[in-house]
Amino acid sequence: LTLSCVASGGIFRAAVMAWYRQAPGKDREFVASMDNGAR
């Protein structure tokens, strides 16, 4: 699957872009991130 996230204000100035997930009965957890240096 491919998830998409569209930002109405744009992402050009974003310092960090990330995905998190939350399974039933569990806390939200980190999945992946990218900083403005593409790391």
Full PDB file with SEQRES, HELIX, SHEET, SSBOND, CRYST1, ORIGX, SCALE, CONECT and MASTER records, all heavy atoms in Angstrom:
SEQRES   1 A   39  LEU THR LEU SER CYS VAL ALA SER GLY GLY ILE PHE ARG          
SEQRES   2 A   39  ALA ALA VAL MET ALA TRP TYR ARG GLN ALA PRO GLY LYS          
SEQRES   3 A   39  ASP ARG GLU PHE VAL ALA SER MET ASP ASN GLY ALA ARG          
SHEET    1 AA1 2 VAL A  16  ARG A  21  0                                        
SHEET    2 AA1 2 GLU A  29  ASP A  35 -1                                        
CRYST1    1.000    1.000    1.000  90.00  90.00  90.00 P 1           1          
ORIGX1      1.000000  0.000000  0.000000        0.00000                         
ORIGX2      0.000000  1.000000  0.000000        0.00000                         
ORIGX3      0.000000  0.000000  1.000000        0.00000                         
SCALE1      1.000000  0.000000  0.000000        0.00000                         
SCALE2      0.000000  1.000000  0.000000        0.00000                         
SCALE3      0.000000  0.000000  1.000000        0.00000                         
ATOM      1  N   LEU A   1       0.855  -1.181   0.000  1.00  0.00           N  
ATOM      2  CA  LEU A   1       0.000   0.000   0.000  1.00  0.00           C  
ATOM      3  C   LEU A   1       0.889   1.228   0.000  1.00  0.00           C  
ATOM      4  O   LEU A   1       2.014   1.187   0.517  1.00  0.00           O  
ATOM      5  CB  LEU A   1      -0.891   0.057   1.239  1.00  0.00           C  
ATOM      6  CG  LEU A   1      -2.210  -0.699   1.273  1.00  0.00           C  
ATOM      7  CD1 LEU A   1      -2.864  -0.543   2.642  1.00  0.00           C  
ATOM      8  CD2 LEU A   1      -3.148  -0.239   0.174  1.00  0.00           C  
ATOM      9  N   THR A   2       0.366   2.320  -0.544  1.00  0.00           N  
ATOM     10  CA  THR A   2       1.069   3.599  -0.475  1.00  0.00           C  
ATOM     11  C   THR A   2       0.143   4.628   0.159  1.00  0.00           C  
ATOM     12  O   THR A   2      -0.970   4.844  -0.332  1.00  0.00           O  
ATOM     13  CB  THR A   2       1.492   4.080  -1.863  1.00  0.00           C  
ATOM     14  OG1 THR A   2       2.364   3.104  -2.457  1.00  0.00           O  
ATOM     15  CG2 THR A   2       2.228   5.413  -1.763  1.00  0.00           C  
ATOM     16  N   LEU A   3       0.590   5.227   1.232  1.00  0.00           N  
ATOM     17  CA  LEU A   3      -0.166   6.279   1.890  1.00  0.00           C  
ATOM     18  C   LEU A   3       0.323   7.639   1.398  1.00  0.00           C  
ATOM     19  O   LEU A   3       1.512   7.822   1.133  1.00  0.00           O  
ATOM     20  CB  LEU A   3       0.007   6.199   3.405  1.00  0.00           C  
ATOM     21  CG  LEU A   3      -0.332   4.855   4.059  1.00  0.00           C  
ATOM     22  CD1 LEU A   3      -0.185   4.970   5.577  1.00  0.00           C  
ATOM     23  CD2 LEU A   3      -1.721   4.400   3.684  1.00  0.00           C  
ATOM     24  N   SER A   4      -0.596   8.583   1.311  1.00  0.00           N  
ATOM     25  CA  SER A   4      -0.264   9.934   0.908  1.00  0.00           C  
ATOM     26  C   SER A   4      -0.751  10.916   1.964  1.00  0.00           C  
ATOM     27  O   SER A   4      -1.780  10.686   2.606  1.00  0.00           O  
ATOM     28  CB  SER A   4      -0.940  10.284  -0.426  1.00  0.00           C  
ATOM     29  OG  SER A   4      -0.527   9.421  -1.453  1.00  0.00           O  
ATOM     30  N   CYS A   5      -0.019  11.989   2.124  1.00  0.00           N  
ATOM     31  CA  CYS A   5      -0.388  13.036   3.078  1.00  0.00           C  
ATOM     32  C   CYS A   5      -0.195  14.373   2.367  1.00  0.00           C  
ATOM     33  O   CYS A   5       0.941  14.752   2.057  1.00  0.00           O  
ATOM     34  CB  CYS A   5       0.488  12.951   4.310  1.00  0.00           C  
ATOM     35  SG  CYS A   5       0.319  14.331   5.459  1.00  0.00           S  
ATOM     36  N   VAL A   6      -1.287  15.055   2.119  1.00  0.00           N  
ATOM     37  CA  VAL A   6      -1.233  16.343   1.442  1.00  0.00           C  
ATOM     38  C   VAL A   6      -1.355  17.455   2.474  1.00  0.00           C  
ATOM     39  O   VAL A   6      -2.285  17.459   3.293  1.00  0.00           O  
ATOM     40  CB  VAL A   6      -2.360  16.470   0.400  1.00  0.00           C  
ATOM     41  CG1 VAL A   6      -2.287  17.824  -0.280  1.00  0.00           C  
ATOM     42  CG2 VAL A   6      -2.255  15.360  -0.637  1.00  0.00           C  
ATOM     43  N   ALA A   7      -0.416  18.390   2.417  1.00  0.00           N  
ATOM     44  CA  ALA A   7      -0.395  19.512   3.348  1.00  0.00           C  
ATOM     45  C   ALA A   7      -0.909  20.756   2.643  1.00  0.00           C  
ATOM     46  O   ALA A   7      -0.307  21.205   1.669  1.00  0.00           O  
ATOM     47  CB  ALA A   7       1.020  19.735   3.861  1.00  0.00           C  
ATOM     48  N   SER A   8      -1.986  21.313   3.149  1.00  0.00           N  
ATOM     49  CA  SER A   8      -2.591  22.466   2.483  1.00  0.00           C  
ATOM     50  C   SER A   8      -1.664  23.680   2.492  1.00  0.00           C  
ATOM     51  O   SER A   8      -1.730  24.520   1.595  1.00  0.00           O  
ATOM     52  CB  SER A   8      -3.920  22.815   3.154  1.00  0.00           C  
ATOM     53  OG  SER A   8      -3.732  23.126   4.523  1.00  0.00           O  
ATOM     54  N   GLY A   9      -0.783  23.742   3.484  1.00  0.00           N  
ATOM     55  CA  GLY A   9       0.136  24.876   3.568  1.00  0.00           C  
ATOM     56  C   GLY A   9       1.483  24.616   2.939  1.00  0.00           C  
ATOM     57  O   GLY A   9       2.381  25.460   3.023  1.00  0.00           O  
ATOM     58  N   GLY A  10       1.632  23.434   2.326  1.00  0.00           N  
ATOM     59  CA  GLY A  10       2.900  23.101   1.694  1.00  0.00           C  
ATOM     60  C   GLY A  10       3.880  22.483   2.670  1.00  0.00           C  
ATOM     61  O   GLY A  10       3.706  22.574   3.890  1.00  0.00           O  
ATOM     62  N   ILE A  11       4.903  21.840   2.135  1.00  0.00           N  
ATOM     63  CA  ILE A  11       5.897  21.172   2.983  1.00  0.00           C  
ATOM     64  C   ILE A  11       7.289  21.728   2.782  1.00  0.00           C  
ATOM     65  O   ILE A  11       8.251  21.242   3.373  1.00  0.00           O  
ATOM     66  CB  ILE A  11       5.906  19.640   2.744  1.00  0.00           C  
ATOM     67  CG1 ILE A  11       6.301  19.323   1.302  1.00  0.00           C  
ATOM     68  CG2 ILE A  11       4.548  19.040   3.073  1.00  0.00           C  
ATOM     69  CD1 ILE A  11       6.510  17.831   1.060  1.00  0.00           C  
ATOM     70  N   PHE A  12       7.404  22.774   1.968  1.00  0.00           N  
ATOM     71  CA  PHE A  12       8.728  23.288   1.617  1.00  0.00           C  
ATOM     72  C   PHE A  12       9.522  23.687   2.852  1.00  0.00           C  
ATOM     73  O   PHE A  12      10.724  23.443   2.935  1.00  0.00           O  
ATOM     74  CB  PHE A  12       8.588  24.472   0.672  1.00  0.00           C  
ATOM     75  CG  PHE A  12       9.891  25.083   0.271  1.00  0.00           C  
ATOM     76  CD1 PHE A  12      10.707  24.442  -0.642  1.00  0.00           C  
ATOM     77  CD2 PHE A  12      10.321  26.283   0.815  1.00  0.00           C  
ATOM     78  CE1 PHE A  12      11.926  24.990  -1.016  1.00  0.00           C  
ATOM     79  CE2 PHE A  12      11.532  26.833   0.447  1.00  0.00           C  
ATOM     80  CZ  PHE A  12      12.328  26.195  -0.470  1.00  0.00           C  
ATOM     81  N   ARG A  13       8.838  24.282   3.826  1.00  0.00           N  
ATOM     82  CA  ARG A  13       9.550  24.777   5.011  1.00  0.00           C  
ATOM     83  C   ARG A  13       9.507  23.802   6.187  1.00  0.00           C  
ATOM     84  O   ARG A  13       9.996  24.137   7.267  1.00  0.00           O  
ATOM     85  CB  ARG A  13       8.979  26.124   5.430  1.00  0.00           C  
ATOM     86  CG  ARG A  13       9.256  27.242   4.446  1.00  0.00           C  
ATOM     87  CD  ARG A  13       8.758  28.587   4.958  1.00  0.00           C  
ATOM     88  NE  ARG A  13       9.104  29.679   4.050  1.00  0.00           N  
ATOM     89  CZ  ARG A  13       8.427  30.000   2.979  1.00  0.00           C  
ATOM     90  NH1 ARG A  13       7.334  29.305   2.672  1.00  0.00           N  
ATOM     91  NH2 ARG A  13       8.807  30.986   2.205  1.00  0.00           N  
ATOM     92  N   ALA A  14       8.950  22.626   5.988  1.00  0.00           N  
ATOM     93  CA  ALA A  14       8.845  21.676   7.094  1.00  0.00           C  
ATOM     94  C   ALA A  14      10.232  21.201   7.529  1.00  0.00           C  
ATOM     95  O   ALA A  14      11.068  20.867   6.696  1.00  0.00           O  
ATOM     96  CB  ALA A  14       7.995  20.480   6.684  1.00  0.00           C  
ATOM     97  N   ALA A  15      10.446  21.157   8.818  1.00  0.00           N  
ATOM     98  CA  ALA A  15      11.709  20.680   9.366  1.00  0.00           C  
ATOM     99  C   ALA A  15      11.718  19.154   9.457  1.00  0.00           C  
ATOM    100  O   ALA A  15      12.741  18.514   9.246  1.00  0.00           O  
ATOM    101  CB  ALA A  15      11.961  21.289  10.731  1.00  0.00           C  
ATOM    102  N   VAL A  16      10.548  18.606   9.810  1.00  0.00           N  
ATOM    103  CA  VAL A  16      10.417  17.155   9.944  1.00  0.00           C  
ATOM    104  C   VAL A  16       9.081  16.725   9.351  1.00  0.00           C  
ATOM    105  O   VAL A  16       8.050  17.354   9.612  1.00  0.00           O  
ATOM    106  CB  VAL A  16      10.475  16.706  11.415  1.00  0.00           C  
ATOM    107  CG1 VAL A  16      10.196  15.206  11.538  1.00  0.00           C  
ATOM    108  CG2 VAL A  16      11.826  17.043  12.024  1.00  0.00           C  
ATOM    109  N   MET A  17       9.114  15.671   8.569  1.00  0.00           N  
ATOM    110  CA  MET A  17       7.909  15.030   8.047  1.00  0.00           C  
ATOM    111  C   MET A  17       7.953  13.580   8.513  1.00  0.00           C  
ATOM    112  O   MET A  17       8.998  12.936   8.404  1.00  0.00           O  
ATOM    113  CB  MET A  17       7.889  15.089   6.523  1.00  0.00           C  
ATOM    114  CG  MET A  17       7.778  16.504   5.992  1.00  0.00           C  
ATOM    115  SD  MET A  17       8.565  16.699   4.372  1.00  0.00           S  
ATOM    116  CE  MET A  17      10.270  16.907   4.888  1.00  0.00           C  
ATOM    117  N   ALA A  18       6.833  13.092   9.043  1.00  0.00           N  
ATOM    118  CA  ALA A  18       6.885  11.762   9.647  1.00  0.00           C  
ATOM    119  C   ALA A  18       5.548  11.051   9.548  1.00  0.00           C  
ATOM    120  O   ALA A  18       4.505  11.663   9.273  1.00  0.00           O  
ATOM    121  CB  ALA A  18       7.308  11.856  11.113  1.00  0.00           C  
ATOM    122  N   TRP A  19       5.622   9.757   9.757  1.00  0.00           N  
ATOM    123  CA  TRP A  19       4.442   8.914   9.875  1.00  0.00           C  
ATOM    124  C   TRP A  19       4.492   8.188  11.219  1.00  0.00           C  
ATOM    125  O   TRP A  19       5.547   7.696  11.620  1.00  0.00           O  
ATOM    126  CB  TRP A  19       4.379   7.883   8.760  1.00  0.00           C  
ATOM    127  CG  TRP A  19       4.064   8.451   7.416  1.00  0.00           C  
ATOM    128  CD1 TRP A  19       4.951   8.881   6.478  1.00  0.00           C  
ATOM    129  CD2 TRP A  19       2.761   8.667   6.850  1.00  0.00           C  
ATOM    130  NE1 TRP A  19       4.287   9.341   5.377  1.00  0.00           N  
ATOM    131  CE2 TRP A  19       2.936   9.218   5.578  1.00  0.00           C  
ATOM    132  CE3 TRP A  19       1.457   8.432   7.305  1.00  0.00           C  
ATOM    133  CZ2 TRP A  19       1.869   9.548   4.742  1.00  0.00           C  
ATOM    134  CZ3 TRP A  19       0.387   8.755   6.489  1.00  0.00           C  
ATOM    135  CH2 TRP A  19       0.595   9.306   5.224  1.00  0.00           C  
ATOM    136  N   TYR A  20       3.356   8.152  11.873  1.00  0.00           N  
ATOM    137  CA  TYR A  20       3.172   7.400  13.099  1.00  0.00           C  
ATOM    138  C   TYR A  20       1.984   6.458  12.897  1.00  0.00           C  
ATOM    139  O   TYR A  20       1.219   6.623  11.950  1.00  0.00           O  
ATOM    140  CB  TYR A  20       2.883   8.330  14.285  1.00  0.00           C  
ATOM    141  CG  TYR A  20       4.073   9.105  14.767  1.00  0.00           C  
ATOM    142  CD1 TYR A  20       4.576  10.182  14.041  1.00  0.00           C  
ATOM    143  CD2 TYR A  20       4.709   8.773  15.966  1.00  0.00           C  
ATOM    144  CE1 TYR A  20       5.679  10.895  14.484  1.00  0.00           C  
ATOM    145  CE2 TYR A  20       5.803   9.485  16.427  1.00  0.00           C  
ATOM    146  CZ  TYR A  20       6.273  10.542  15.678  1.00  0.00           C  
ATOM    147  OH  TYR A  20       7.373  11.243  16.134  1.00  0.00           O  
ATOM    148  N   ARG A  21       1.831   5.507  13.795  1.00  0.00           N  
ATOM    149  CA  ARG A  21       0.672   4.624  13.709  1.00  0.00           C  
ATOM    150  C   ARG A  21       0.205   4.243  15.107  1.00  0.00           C  
ATOM    151  O   ARG A  21       0.978   4.288  16.063  1.00  0.00           O  
ATOM    152  CB  ARG A  21       0.989   3.365  12.907  1.00  0.00           C  
ATOM    153  CG  ARG A  21       2.003   2.433  13.552  1.00  0.00           C  
ATOM    154  CD  ARG A  21       2.348   1.292  12.593  1.00  0.00           C  
ATOM    155  NE  ARG A  21       3.293   0.348  13.182  1.00  0.00           N  
ATOM    156  CZ  ARG A  21       3.850  -0.660  12.510  1.00  0.00           C  
ATOM    157  NH1 ARG A  21       3.566  -0.849  11.213  1.00  0.00           N  
ATOM    158  NH2 ARG A  21       4.695  -1.479  13.116  1.00  0.00           N  
ATOM    159  N   GLN A  22      -1.062   3.895  15.182  1.00  0.00           N  
ATOM    160  CA  GLN A  22      -1.628   3.483  16.454  1.00  0.00           C  
ATOM    161  C   GLN A  22      -2.526   2.282  16.232  1.00  0.00           C  
ATOM    162  O   GLN A  22      -3.535   2.367  15.526  1.00  0.00           O  
ATOM    163  CB  GLN A  22      -2.419   4.617  17.092  1.00  0.00           C  
ATOM    164  CG  GLN A  22      -2.917   4.311  18.491  1.00  0.00           C  
ATOM    165  CD  GLN A  22      -3.402   5.548  19.217  1.00  0.00           C  
ATOM    166  OE1 GLN A  22      -3.692   6.578  18.613  1.00  0.00           O  
ATOM    167  NE2 GLN A  22      -3.478   5.462  20.539  1.00  0.00           N  
ATOM    168  N   ALA A  23      -2.132   1.172  16.829  1.00  0.00           N  
ATOM    169  CA  ALA A  23      -2.917  -0.049  16.759  1.00  0.00           C  
ATOM    170  C   ALA A  23      -3.932  -0.065  17.900  1.00  0.00           C  
ATOM    171  O   ALA A  23      -3.724   0.613  18.919  1.00  0.00           O  
ATOM    172  CB  ALA A  23      -2.002  -1.268  16.843  1.00  0.00           C  
ATOM    173  N   PRO A  24      -5.009  -0.814  17.767  1.00  0.00           N  
ATOM    174  CA  PRO A  24      -6.020  -0.869  18.829  1.00  0.00           C  
ATOM    175  C   PRO A  24      -5.417  -1.260  20.173  1.00  0.00           C  
ATOM    176  O   PRO A  24      -4.674  -2.247  20.268  1.00  0.00           O  
ATOM    177  CB  PRO A  24      -6.990  -1.949  18.326  1.00  0.00           C  
ATOM    178  CG  PRO A  24      -6.836  -1.918  16.850  1.00  0.00           C  
ATOM    179  CD  PRO A  24      -5.382  -1.632  16.600  1.00  0.00           C  
ATOM    180  N   GLY A  25      -5.699  -0.464  21.184  1.00  0.00           N  
ATOM    181  CA  GLY A  25      -5.232  -0.760  22.524  1.00  0.00           C  
ATOM    182  C   GLY A  25      -3.778  -0.426  22.789  1.00  0.00           C  
ATOM    183  O   GLY A  25      -3.254  -0.739  23.864  1.00  0.00           O  
ATOM    184  N   LYS A  26      -3.121   0.182  21.817  1.00  0.00           N  
ATOM    185  CA  LYS A  26      -1.702   0.506  21.979  1.00  0.00           C  
ATOM    186  C   LYS A  26      -1.468   2.006  21.836  1.00  0.00           C  
ATOM    187  O   LYS A  26      -2.310   2.731  21.297  1.00  0.00           O  
ATOM    188  CB  LYS A  26      -0.869  -0.251  20.948  1.00  0.00           C  
ATOM    189  CG  LYS A  26      -0.892  -1.760  21.126  1.00  0.00           C  
ATOM    190  CD  LYS A  26       0.088  -2.429  20.180  1.00  0.00           C  
ATOM    191  CE  LYS A  26       0.133  -3.931  20.404  1.00  0.00           C  
ATOM    192  NZ  LYS A  26       1.116  -4.596  19.493  1.00  0.00           N  
ATOM    193  N   ASP A  27      -0.307   2.460  22.300  1.00  0.00           N  
ATOM    194  CA  ASP A  27       0.068   3.853  22.145  1.00  0.00           C  
ATOM    195  C   ASP A  27       0.474   4.141  20.700  1.00  0.00           C  
ATOM    196  O   ASP A  27       0.863   3.239  19.959  1.00  0.00           O  
ATOM    197  CB  ASP A  27       1.239   4.188  23.076  1.00  0.00           C  
ATOM    198  CG  ASP A  27       0.852   4.129  24.535  1.00  0.00           C  
ATOM    199  OD1 ASP A  27      -0.338   4.323  24.850  1.00  0.00           O  
ATOM    200  OD2 ASP A  27       1.757   3.894  25.362  1.00  0.00           O  
ATOM    201  N   ARG A  28       0.402   5.416  20.349  1.00  0.00           N  
ATOM    202  CA  ARG A  28       0.875   5.816  19.029  1.00  0.00           C  
ATOM    203  C   ARG A  28       2.383   5.629  18.979  1.00  0.00           C  
ATOM    204  O   ARG A  28       3.098   5.980  19.924  1.00  0.00           O  
ATOM    205  CB  ARG A  28       0.509   7.275  18.761  1.00  0.00           C  
ATOM    206  CG  ARG A  28       0.734   7.729  17.339  1.00  0.00           C  
ATOM    207  CD  ARG A  28       0.157   9.106  17.095  1.00  0.00           C  
ATOM    208  NE  ARG A  28      -1.293   9.140  17.292  1.00  0.00           N  
ATOM    209  CZ  ARG A  28      -2.054  10.186  16.966  1.00  0.00           C  
ATOM    210  NH1 ARG A  28      -1.507  11.276  16.433  1.00  0.00           N  
ATOM    211  NH2 ARG A  28      -3.358  10.145  17.190  1.00  0.00           N  
ATOM    212  N   GLU A  29       2.866   5.075  17.867  1.00  0.00           N  
ATOM    213  CA  GLU A  29       4.298   4.800  17.760  1.00  0.00           C  
ATOM    214  C   GLU A  29       4.872   5.372  16.475  1.00  0.00           C  
ATOM    215  O   GLU A  29       4.191   5.500  15.458  1.00  0.00           O  
ATOM    216  CB  GLU A  29       4.566   3.286  17.810  1.00  0.00           C  
ATOM    217  CG  GLU A  29       3.998   2.500  16.639  1.00  0.00           C  
ATOM    218  CD  GLU A  29       4.425   1.042  16.646  1.00  0.00           C  
ATOM    219  OE1 GLU A  29       5.086   0.595  17.600  1.00  0.00           O  
ATOM    220  OE2 GLU A  29       4.089   0.339  15.673  1.00  0.00           O  
ATOM    221  N   PHE A  30       6.156   5.672  16.533  1.00  0.00           N  
ATOM    222  CA  PHE A  30       6.888   6.201  15.393  1.00  0.00           C  
ATOM    223  C   PHE A  30       7.051   5.126  14.330  1.00  0.00           C  
ATOM    224  O   PHE A  30       7.329   3.963  14.647  1.00  0.00           O  
ATOM    225  CB  PHE A  30       8.255   6.690  15.867  1.00  0.00           C  
ATOM    226  CG  PHE A  30       9.211   7.016  14.768  1.00  0.00           C  
ATOM    227  CD1 PHE A  30       9.132   8.215  14.087  1.00  0.00           C  
ATOM    228  CD2 PHE A  30      10.201   6.110  14.392  1.00  0.00           C  
ATOM    229  CE1 PHE A  30      10.019   8.521  13.066  1.00  0.00           C  
ATOM    230  CE2 PHE A  30      11.084   6.398  13.381  1.00  0.00           C  
ATOM    231  CZ  PHE A  30      11.000   7.607  12.719  1.00  0.00           C  
ATOM    232  N   VAL A  31       6.898   5.532  13.058  1.00  0.00           N  
ATOM    233  CA  VAL A  31       7.111   4.612  11.943  1.00  0.00           C  
ATOM    234  C   VAL A  31       8.289   5.058  11.089  1.00  0.00           C  
ATOM    235  O   VAL A  31       9.233   4.289  10.868  1.00  0.00           O  
ATOM    236  CB  VAL A  31       5.847   4.511  11.060  1.00  0.00           C  
ATOM    237  CG1 VAL A  31       6.115   3.625   9.840  1.00  0.00           C  
ATOM    238  CG2 VAL A  31       4.670   3.980  11.857  1.00  0.00           C  
ATOM    239  N   ALA A  32       8.251   6.297  10.608  1.00  0.00           N  
ATOM    240  CA  ALA A  32       9.292   6.771   9.715  1.00  0.00           C  
ATOM    241  C   ALA A  32       9.311   8.289   9.717  1.00  0.00           C  
ATOM    242  O   ALA A  32       8.289   8.920   9.977  1.00  0.00           O  
ATOM    243  CB  ALA A  32       9.072   6.257   8.297  1.00  0.00           C  
ATOM    244  N   SER A  33      10.480   8.855   9.407  1.00  0.00           N  
ATOM    245  CA  SER A  33      10.580  10.308   9.337  1.00  0.00           C  
ATOM    246  C   SER A  33      11.619  10.725   8.319  1.00  0.00           C  
ATOM    247  O   SER A  33      12.513   9.939   7.952  1.00  0.00           O  
ATOM    248  CB  SER A  33      10.918  10.913  10.698  1.00  0.00           C  
ATOM    249  OG  SER A  33      12.241  10.574  11.079  1.00  0.00           O  
ATOM    250  N   MET A  34      11.477  11.980   7.891  1.00  0.00           N  
ATOM    251  CA  MET A  34      12.428  12.581   6.970  1.00  0.00           C  
ATOM    252  C   MET A  34      12.606  14.023   7.404  1.00  0.00           C  
ATOM    253  O   MET A  34      11.616  14.713   7.641  1.00  0.00           O  
ATOM    254  CB  MET A  34      11.892  12.517   5.535  1.00  0.00           C  
ATOM    255  CG  MET A  34      12.719  13.258   4.520  1.00  0.00           C  
ATOM    256  SD  MET A  34      11.906  13.344   2.900  1.00  0.00           S  
ATOM    257  CE  MET A  34      11.984  11.647   2.426  1.00  0.00           C  
ATOM    258  N   ASP A  35      13.862  14.486   7.475  1.00  0.00           N  
ATOM    259  CA  ASP A  35      14.065  15.886   7.834  1.00  0.00           C  
ATOM    260  C   ASP A  35      14.281  16.709   6.565  1.00  0.00           C  
ATOM    261  O   ASP A  35      14.286  16.177   5.453  1.00  0.00           O  
ATOM    262  CB  ASP A  35      15.195  16.044   8.837  1.00  0.00           C  
ATOM    263  CG  ASP A  35      16.554  15.656   8.273  1.00  0.00           C  
ATOM    264  OD1 ASP A  35      16.706  15.608   7.034  1.00  0.00           O  
ATOM    265  OD2 ASP A  35      17.465  15.393   9.078  1.00  0.00           O  
ATOM    266  N   ASN A  36      14.500  18.008   6.739  1.00  0.00           N  
ATOM    267  CA  ASN A  36      14.614  18.868   5.562  1.00  0.00           C  
ATOM    268  C   ASN A  36      15.930  18.672   4.827  1.00  0.00           C  
ATOM    269  O   ASN A  36      16.120  19.244   3.761  1.00  0.00           O  
ATOM    270  CB  ASN A  36      14.391  20.334   5.931  1.00  0.00           C  
ATOM    271  CG  ASN A  36      15.315  20.789   7.045  1.00  0.00           C  
ATOM    272  OD1 ASN A  36      16.237  20.078   7.429  1.00  0.00           O  
ATOM    273  ND2 ASN A  36      15.052  21.962   7.577  1.00  0.00           N  
ATOM    274  N   GLY A  37      16.809  17.849   5.400  1.00  0.00           N  
ATOM    275  CA  GLY A  37      18.024  17.462   4.695  1.00  0.00           C  
ATOM    276  C   GLY A  37      17.870  16.115   4.012  1.00  0.00           C  
ATOM    277  O   GLY A  37      18.846  15.545   3.528  1.00  0.00           O  
ATOM    278  N   ALA A  38      16.609  15.622   3.996  1.00  0.00           N  
ATOM    279  CA  ALA A  38      16.271  14.346   3.367  1.00  0.00           C  
ATOM    280  C   ALA A  38      16.862  13.136   4.091  1.00  0.00           C  
ATOM    281  O   ALA A  38      16.929  12.047   3.523  1.00  0.00           O  
ATOM    282  CB  ALA A  38      16.649  14.320   1.886  1.00  0.00           C  
ATOM    283  N   ARG A  39      17.303  13.340   5.322  1.00  0.00           N  
ATOM    284  CA  ARG A  39      17.750  12.200   6.114  1.00  0.00           C  
ATOM    285  C   ARG A  39      16.525  11.426   6.595  1.00  0.00           C  
ATOM    286  O   ARG A  39      15.576  12.014   7.095  1.00  0.00           O  
ATOM    287  CB  ARG A  39      18.590  12.656   7.297  1.00  0.00           C  
ATOM    288  CG  ARG A  39      19.969  13.161   6.920  1.00  0.00           C  
ATOM    289  CD  ARG A  39      20.720  13.595   8.150  1.00  0.00           C  
ATOM    290  NE  ARG A  39      20.141  14.803   8.700  1.00  0.00           N  
ATOM    291  CZ  ARG A  39      20.583  16.027   8.421  1.00  0.00           C  
ATOM    292  NH1 ARG A  39      21.593  16.190   7.586  1.00  0.00           N  
ATOM    293  NH2 ARG A  39      20.004  17.071   8.972  1.00  0.00           N  
TER     294      ARG A  39                                                      
MASTER        0    0    0    0    2    0    0    6  293    1    0    3          
END                                                                             
